[in-house]
Structure formats: structure tokens, C-alpha cells
Amino acid sequence: MKILFFALAVVLCYILWQKWELTKFRVTEYRVSSPKLKGRACAAVIADMHGFSYGRGNRRLLEEVRKLNPNAIFIPGDMLVSKYSGTYEVALRALQELARIAPVYYSYGNHESRLRNPEKANHPLFMQYMSKVKEAGVIVMGTESREISLGENRVQLSALELELDYYEKGRIVPLEQDYLTEHLPAQKEGLYQILLAHNPAYAGHYIRWGADVAFCGHNHGGLIRVPGIGSVISPQLTWFPKYDAGLFQEDGKNVIISRGLGTHTFHVRIFNRAELLAVTFLPE
């Protein structure tokens, strides 16, 4: 009987813990600096929301974003779940409110890319969603670059939409060495370079291409994290992904990978709270 009670207690604790991990998020702060920057600026980064709601109308999420008073809001994809059309409305309402706080730049994740295919059942609904997103003033970016203001700074913002082949389950498909150079315009000399790239598996490519900072998502922090080791498995079903969450630096370049705000398919987070990123840009 004691064993049974103990087992039930363990199960109850796990359920309560998962409820906490799946319904609460934290604000994770990062700082990046560069001589290319003239003044201080702040950006909120929202990745992999997947139609989640943090309070009615995402009230808690929006409150935290407002507190940051960001100069821009960057979204490296997956605001919705492609096969669940109900998540489109949640994402739309959040984007409409976010656009009232600061300029919003939204690039495609694999869920959005999947829905761009006219053969997908939800394609018409997705096109309606995207039309309303753009009407709200959100800047939607495919594989392209544009010069934008970020506080006192002029920066180049690029977005990368990878083909769905690069999201194959169970393995990392190699990316051609010159893929970014062939698909994106050249960086502008003297301008700080920001890249929105949903898939973090190719972080090394983003650094070598010349991104001063790249914002990624997709891995949801690796679903299950073991203290001292890191993530165990990614939503793409790759074991112990190298680029799972956090800040990765090389040669003065930065890749920041969000653990995301939502989940899909595998609704599990262990030692892996959802997060909103607050990134401060500083001159050197």
C-alpha cells in the first residue's frame, strides 16, 4: 500500500510540475554588443508560440512585452500549428496586439512554410490568416533582407525560409556551404546584421555567413533537459541536439536560440520552461 501511495504521489507531482512548466513562461535576457551599433536598443523575441495562450487574449505575454518597451519584436517562425486551424486565430490576435507595441518582423517557420503549399487542406485559411497579419502592420519576411531602424541604429535584417526537406524527422540534412550566400542578398558594409532563421541546426552556417546575431527557435529547448547535460531530444526527433537553446558565440558572432513559448504533438517540458527573450543591443 505504501508503494502505491508513493507511486500516486510521484504521478501527482509530475502532473502538477508539467502543468507549471507548460503554462508558465519566463523572460530570459541577453546582451549583444558591436562597434557597428551607435546606441542602445531592445528587442523582444517570440518563437514557437504555436497558438498557445498565456491568459485571456495572451494577456500575460503581452504585459511582459510591454514592460520591455522594445524597439522591435522579432519572430523567427511557428506562431501556429499547421494542422490545427484554431491556433491561427490565437496567433493572429497576439500579432495584432504586438503590432500596437512595436514594429513586428515575422519570418516563416516550418509550420508556416508547410501551409504555403496550395495542396494543403488548411492553405486557404492560412492565406486568410496571413492577409490579416499583414493588415495589422506586421512585416512578414520570406528569404529576403531589408534595412530597418532599431532605436538609434540602422541595421540590416534578413530572414531565411528553408525548404521543408531541411526539417526531415530523425536526422539533420546537410546544408550546402554557400546556401545563404546564394539565397540572401549580400550584407551591407558597416551595418549590424540580424538574421531570423527558424532552424538552429545550421547555426554554424549563420555565423560563417556573417550574421552578427541570429535568432532561432524550432527545438523548443530540446523538450527534456538534463541538468549538466542539456537537451535529450528535439521535436525533430534528433538526439542530444547541439544547438538546443541559449547563446552560442563564435568569432564575435552570436546565435540565440529560444526555447519557445508553446508546444505541439509532444506536449512535454522537463527542466525546460517556455521563454520570452529580451535582447539588449549595446554599442562598443
Protein backbone atom coordinates (compact mmCIF):
# COMPACT_ATOMS: atom_id res chain seq x y z
CA MET A 1 0.00 0.00 0.00
CA LYS A 2 2.83 2.41 0.84
CA ILE A 3 4.37 1.73 -2.56
CA LEU A 4 1.03 2.51 -4.23
CA PHE A 5 0.65 5.79 -2.33
CA PHE A 6 4.23 6.73 -3.15
CA ALA A 7 3.66 5.98 -6.84
CA LEU A 8 0.47 8.04 -6.86
CA ALA A 9 2.29 10.91 -5.15
CA VAL A 10 5.03 10.79 -7.77
CA VAL A 11 2.48 10.81 -10.59
CA LEU A 12 0.60 13.73 -8.99
CA CYS A 13 3.81 15.71 -8.56
CA TYR A 14 4.73 15.06 -12.18
CA ILE A 15 1.30 16.22 -13.40
CA LEU A 16 1.49 19.42 -11.32
CA TRP A 17 5.06 20.06 -12.43
CA GLN A 18 4.17 19.61 -16.09
CA LYS A 19 1.18 21.92 -15.71
CA TRP A 20 3.51 24.56 -14.27
CA GLU A 21 6.17 24.07 -16.97
CA LEU A 22 3.59 24.17 -19.76
CA THR A 23 1.57 27.17 -18.56
CA LYS A 24 4.24 29.50 -17.15
CA PHE A 25 6.97 31.26 -19.06
CA ARG A 26 9.96 33.29 -18.04
CA VAL A 27 11.73 36.30 -19.52
CA THR A 28 15.30 35.43 -20.50
CA GLU A 29 17.66 38.37 -21.02
CA TYR A 30 20.63 38.56 -23.37
CA ARG A 31 23.06 41.34 -24.26
CA VAL A 32 24.94 41.67 -27.52
CA SER A 33 27.35 44.43 -28.46
CA SER A 34 29.13 45.65 -31.55
CA PRO A 35 31.08 48.69 -32.80
CA LYS A 36 28.52 48.76 -35.65
CA LEU A 37 25.86 49.89 -33.16
CA LYS A 38 25.56 53.58 -32.33
CA GLY A 39 23.11 53.39 -29.44
CA ARG A 40 21.34 51.13 -27.01
CA ALA A 41 18.23 49.28 -28.22
CA CYS A 42 15.97 46.48 -27.05
CA ALA A 43 14.10 43.76 -28.89
CA ALA A 44 11.61 41.13 -27.80
CA VAL A 45 11.97 37.74 -29.50
CA ILE A 46 8.95 35.43 -29.68
CA ALA A 47 9.49 31.96 -31.13
CA ASP A 48 7.36 28.84 -31.46
CA MET A 49 4.21 30.18 -29.84
CA HIS A 50 2.16 27.52 -31.65
CA GLY A 51 -1.13 29.19 -30.80
CA PHE A 52 -0.61 29.00 -27.02
CA SER A 53 -2.48 31.42 -24.79
CA TYR A 54 -1.00 32.84 -21.62
CA GLY A 55 -4.16 34.19 -20.08
CA ARG A 56 -7.20 35.51 -21.89
CA GLY A 57 -6.07 37.04 -25.16
CA ASN A 58 -2.46 36.23 -24.19
CA ARG A 59 -2.71 38.98 -21.58
CA ARG A 60 0.29 37.81 -19.54
CA LEU A 61 2.56 37.57 -22.56
CA LEU A 62 1.54 40.98 -23.88
CA GLU A 63 2.07 42.57 -20.46
CA GLU A 64 5.63 41.27 -20.31
CA VAL A 65 6.37 42.51 -23.82
CA ARG A 66 5.02 45.97 -22.94
CA LYS A 67 7.26 46.08 -19.86
CA LEU A 68 10.29 45.64 -22.12
CA ASN A 69 9.31 48.71 -24.15
CA PRO A 70 11.06 47.14 -27.16
CA ASN A 71 12.22 48.99 -30.25
CA ALA A 72 11.27 45.92 -32.31
CA ILE A 73 9.70 42.48 -31.96
CA PHE A 74 11.35 39.65 -33.88
CA ILE A 75 9.51 36.38 -34.56
CA PRO A 76 11.56 33.55 -36.13
CA GLY A 77 8.54 31.43 -37.03
CA ASP A 78 5.95 28.90 -35.87
CA MET A 79 3.31 31.17 -34.41
CA LEU A 80 0.74 28.46 -35.12
CA VAL A 81 0.33 24.71 -35.57
CA SER A 82 -0.22 23.95 -39.24
CA LYS A 83 -2.81 21.18 -38.83
CA TYR A 84 -4.88 22.94 -36.15
CA SER A 85 -6.68 25.92 -37.68
CA GLY A 86 -7.87 27.02 -34.24
CA THR A 87 -4.32 28.14 -33.46
CA TYR A 88 -4.40 30.62 -36.36
CA GLU A 89 -6.88 32.90 -34.61
CA VAL A 90 -4.88 32.86 -31.36
CA ALA A 91 -1.71 33.75 -33.26
CA LEU A 92 -3.50 36.47 -35.23
CA ARG A 93 -4.90 38.17 -32.12
CA ALA A 94 -1.48 38.11 -30.47
CA LEU A 95 0.18 39.58 -33.56
CA GLN A 96 -2.43 42.33 -33.83
CA GLU A 97 -1.72 43.37 -30.24
CA LEU A 98 2.05 43.04 -30.60
CA ALA A 99 1.96 45.35 -33.63
CA ARG A 100 0.48 48.04 -31.37
CA ILE A 101 3.54 47.82 -29.09
CA ALA A 102 6.43 47.96 -31.58
CA PRO A 103 7.29 47.10 -35.19
CA VAL A 104 6.92 43.34 -35.67
CA TYR A 105 9.08 41.33 -38.07
CA TYR A 106 7.80 37.79 -38.65
CA SER A 107 9.67 35.14 -40.64
CA TYR A 108 8.45 31.69 -41.59
CA GLY A 109 8.99 28.56 -39.54
CA ASN A 110 8.32 25.08 -40.87
CA HIS A 111 4.65 25.25 -39.84
CA GLU A 112 4.06 28.39 -41.91
CA SER A 113 6.13 27.04 -44.80
CA ARG A 114 4.09 23.85 -44.86
CA LEU A 115 0.89 25.85 -45.25
CA ARG A 116 2.22 27.84 -48.21
CA ASN A 117 1.65 24.70 -50.27
CA PRO A 118 -1.71 25.12 -52.10
CA GLU A 119 -2.29 21.38 -51.85
CA LYS A 120 -2.54 21.53 -48.05
CA ALA A 121 -6.11 21.40 -46.72
CA ASN A 122 -5.62 24.45 -44.50
CA HIS A 123 -3.91 26.54 -47.18
CA PRO A 124 -6.94 28.82 -47.82
CA LEU A 125 -7.33 29.50 -44.09
CA PHE A 126 -3.62 30.21 -43.81
CA MET A 127 -3.76 32.69 -46.67
CA GLN A 128 -6.63 34.50 -44.91
CA TYR A 129 -4.58 34.50 -41.71
CA MET A 130 -1.53 35.96 -43.45
CA SER A 131 -3.63 38.62 -45.13
CA LYS A 132 -4.97 39.76 -41.76
CA VAL A 133 -1.49 39.62 -40.22
CA LYS A 134 -0.19 41.98 -42.88
CA GLU A 135 -3.24 44.24 -42.48
CA ALA A 136 -2.27 44.58 -38.81
CA GLY A 137 1.04 46.11 -39.90
CA VAL A 138 3.23 43.07 -39.25
CA ILE A 139 6.20 42.83 -41.64
CA VAL A 140 6.22 39.26 -42.97
CA MET A 141 9.54 38.14 -44.41
CA GLY A 142 10.44 35.21 -46.62
CA THR A 143 14.06 34.74 -47.67
CA GLU A 144 15.00 38.40 -48.01
CA SER A 145 16.77 41.35 -46.42
CA ARG A 146 15.75 44.90 -45.55
CA GLU A 147 17.31 47.85 -43.80
CA ILE A 148 15.40 48.85 -40.66
CA SER A 149 15.66 51.18 -37.68
CA LEU A 150 16.43 49.72 -34.28
CA GLY A 151 16.45 52.54 -31.78
CA GLU A 152 19.15 54.96 -32.94
CA ASN A 153 20.64 52.33 -35.22
CA ARG A 154 20.20 51.41 -38.85
CA VAL A 155 20.62 47.64 -39.17
CA GLN A 156 20.16 45.04 -41.86
CA LEU A 157 17.52 42.45 -41.05
CA SER A 158 17.50 39.23 -43.04
CA ALA A 159 15.17 36.25 -42.89
CA LEU A 160 15.78 32.71 -44.09
CA GLU A 161 12.99 30.30 -45.06
CA LEU A 162 14.46 26.84 -45.54
CA GLU A 163 12.81 24.22 -47.73
CA LEU A 164 10.91 21.61 -45.75
CA ASP A 165 13.50 18.97 -46.70
CA TYR A 166 15.73 20.54 -44.04
CA TYR A 167 13.20 19.62 -41.33
CA GLU A 168 13.27 15.89 -42.01
CA LYS A 169 12.47 13.85 -38.91
CA GLY A 170 15.23 11.90 -37.26
CA ARG A 171 18.26 13.47 -38.92
CA ILE A 172 19.93 16.74 -39.84
CA VAL A 173 20.05 17.17 -43.61
CA PRO A 174 23.38 18.79 -44.59
CA LEU A 175 23.11 22.39 -45.77
CA GLU A 176 25.22 23.40 -48.75
CA GLN A 177 28.19 25.52 -47.68
CA ASP A 178 27.20 28.50 -49.83
CA TYR A 179 23.42 28.18 -49.36
CA LEU A 180 22.97 31.50 -47.55
CA THR A 181 25.23 33.38 -49.92
CA GLU A 182 23.22 32.09 -52.88
CA HIS A 183 19.80 32.80 -51.36
CA LEU A 184 20.28 36.06 -49.44
CA PRO A 185 21.49 39.49 -50.58
CA ALA A 186 24.99 40.45 -49.51
CA GLN A 187 25.38 42.20 -46.17
CA LYS A 188 25.78 45.96 -46.23
CA GLU A 189 29.18 47.11 -45.08
CA GLY A 190 29.10 48.83 -41.71
CA LEU A 191 25.54 47.76 -40.88
CA TYR A 192 24.83 45.43 -37.97
CA GLN A 193 23.41 42.19 -39.42
CA ILE A 194 20.44 40.43 -37.78
CA LEU A 195 19.16 37.11 -39.13
CA LEU A 196 15.84 35.40 -38.40
CA ALA A 197 16.34 31.70 -39.13
CA HIS A 198 13.91 29.23 -37.61
CA ASN A 199 16.06 26.10 -37.73
CA PRO A 200 19.04 26.26 -35.32
CA ALA A 201 20.72 23.14 -36.69
CA TYR A 202 22.64 25.35 -39.13
CA ALA A 203 23.88 27.89 -36.58
CA GLY A 204 27.45 27.46 -37.81
CA HIS A 205 26.36 28.45 -41.32
CA TYR A 206 24.65 31.57 -39.97
CA ILE A 207 27.84 32.64 -38.21
CA ARG A 208 30.06 31.96 -41.20
CA TRP A 209 27.65 33.84 -43.47
CA GLY A 210 28.20 36.90 -41.29
CA ALA A 211 25.19 37.31 -39.01
CA ASP A 212 26.15 39.46 -36.02
CA VAL A 213 23.20 37.86 -34.25
CA ALA A 214 20.84 35.15 -35.47
CA PHE A 215 17.56 34.37 -33.72
CA CYS A 216 16.30 30.78 -33.96
CA GLY A 217 13.69 28.51 -32.41
CA HIS A 218 12.27 25.17 -33.58
CA ASN A 219 13.85 22.85 -30.99
CA HIS A 220 11.64 24.01 -28.09
CA GLY A 221 14.72 23.80 -25.88
CA GLY A 222 15.01 20.09 -26.60
CA LEU A 223 11.74 19.13 -24.83
CA ILE A 224 13.51 17.29 -22.00
CA ARG A 225 16.64 18.77 -20.46
CA VAL A 226 19.01 17.07 -18.05
CA PRO A 227 20.92 19.42 -15.73
CA GLY A 228 24.59 19.48 -16.67
CA ILE A 229 23.96 17.73 -19.99
CA GLY A 230 21.38 19.74 -21.89
CA SER A 231 18.57 18.61 -24.13
CA VAL A 232 17.82 14.94 -24.75
CA ILE A 233 15.68 15.01 -27.89
CA SER A 234 14.33 17.67 -30.22
CA PRO A 235 10.85 17.90 -31.77
CA GLN A 236 12.59 16.88 -35.00
CA LEU A 237 13.45 13.61 -33.20
CA THR A 238 17.20 14.12 -33.21
CA TRP A 239 19.05 13.00 -30.08
CA PHE A 240 21.09 15.42 -27.99
CA PRO A 241 20.90 18.35 -30.45
CA LYS A 242 24.00 20.52 -30.28
CA TYR A 243 22.10 23.76 -30.84
CA ASP A 244 19.20 23.38 -28.45
CA ALA A 245 18.71 26.62 -26.52
CA GLY A 246 20.63 29.64 -25.30
CA LEU A 247 23.52 31.71 -26.59
CA PHE A 248 26.21 30.33 -28.88
CA GLN A 249 29.17 32.53 -29.82
CA GLU A 250 31.97 32.20 -32.34
CA ASP A 251 34.38 34.82 -33.73
CA GLY A 252 32.40 37.64 -32.14
CA LYS A 253 29.13 36.45 -33.74
CA ASN A 254 26.05 35.33 -31.81
CA VAL A 255 23.28 32.78 -32.29
CA ILE A 256 20.46 32.96 -29.75
CA ILE A 257 18.06 30.02 -29.70
CA SER A 258 14.74 30.37 -27.91
CA ARG A 259 13.12 27.52 -26.01
CA GLY A 260 9.85 28.78 -27.45
CA LEU A 261 6.52 29.64 -25.89
CA GLY A 262 4.38 26.71 -27.00
CA THR A 263 4.45 23.06 -27.92
CA HIS A 264 2.79 20.75 -30.42
CA THR A 265 2.48 16.99 -30.81
CA PHE A 266 4.72 16.27 -27.79
CA HIS A 267 3.31 18.43 -25.01
CA VAL A 268 6.26 17.89 -22.70
CA ARG A 269 8.67 20.27 -20.98
CA ILE A 270 11.04 18.92 -18.33
CA PHE A 271 13.58 21.35 -16.80
CA ASN A 272 12.71 23.45 -19.82
CA ARG A 273 10.41 26.41 -19.17
CA ALA A 274 8.96 28.35 -22.07
CA GLU A 275 10.51 31.76 -22.57
CA LEU A 276 10.18 35.23 -23.99
CA LEU A 277 13.55 36.65 -24.98
CA ALA A 278 14.59 40.20 -24.11
CA VAL A 279 17.69 41.17 -26.10
CA THR A 280 19.61 44.38 -25.40
CA PHE A 281 21.83 45.74 -28.16
CA LEU A 282 24.79 47.84 -27.00
CA PRO A 283 27.48 49.86 -28.79
CA GLU A 284 31.13 49.10 -28.12
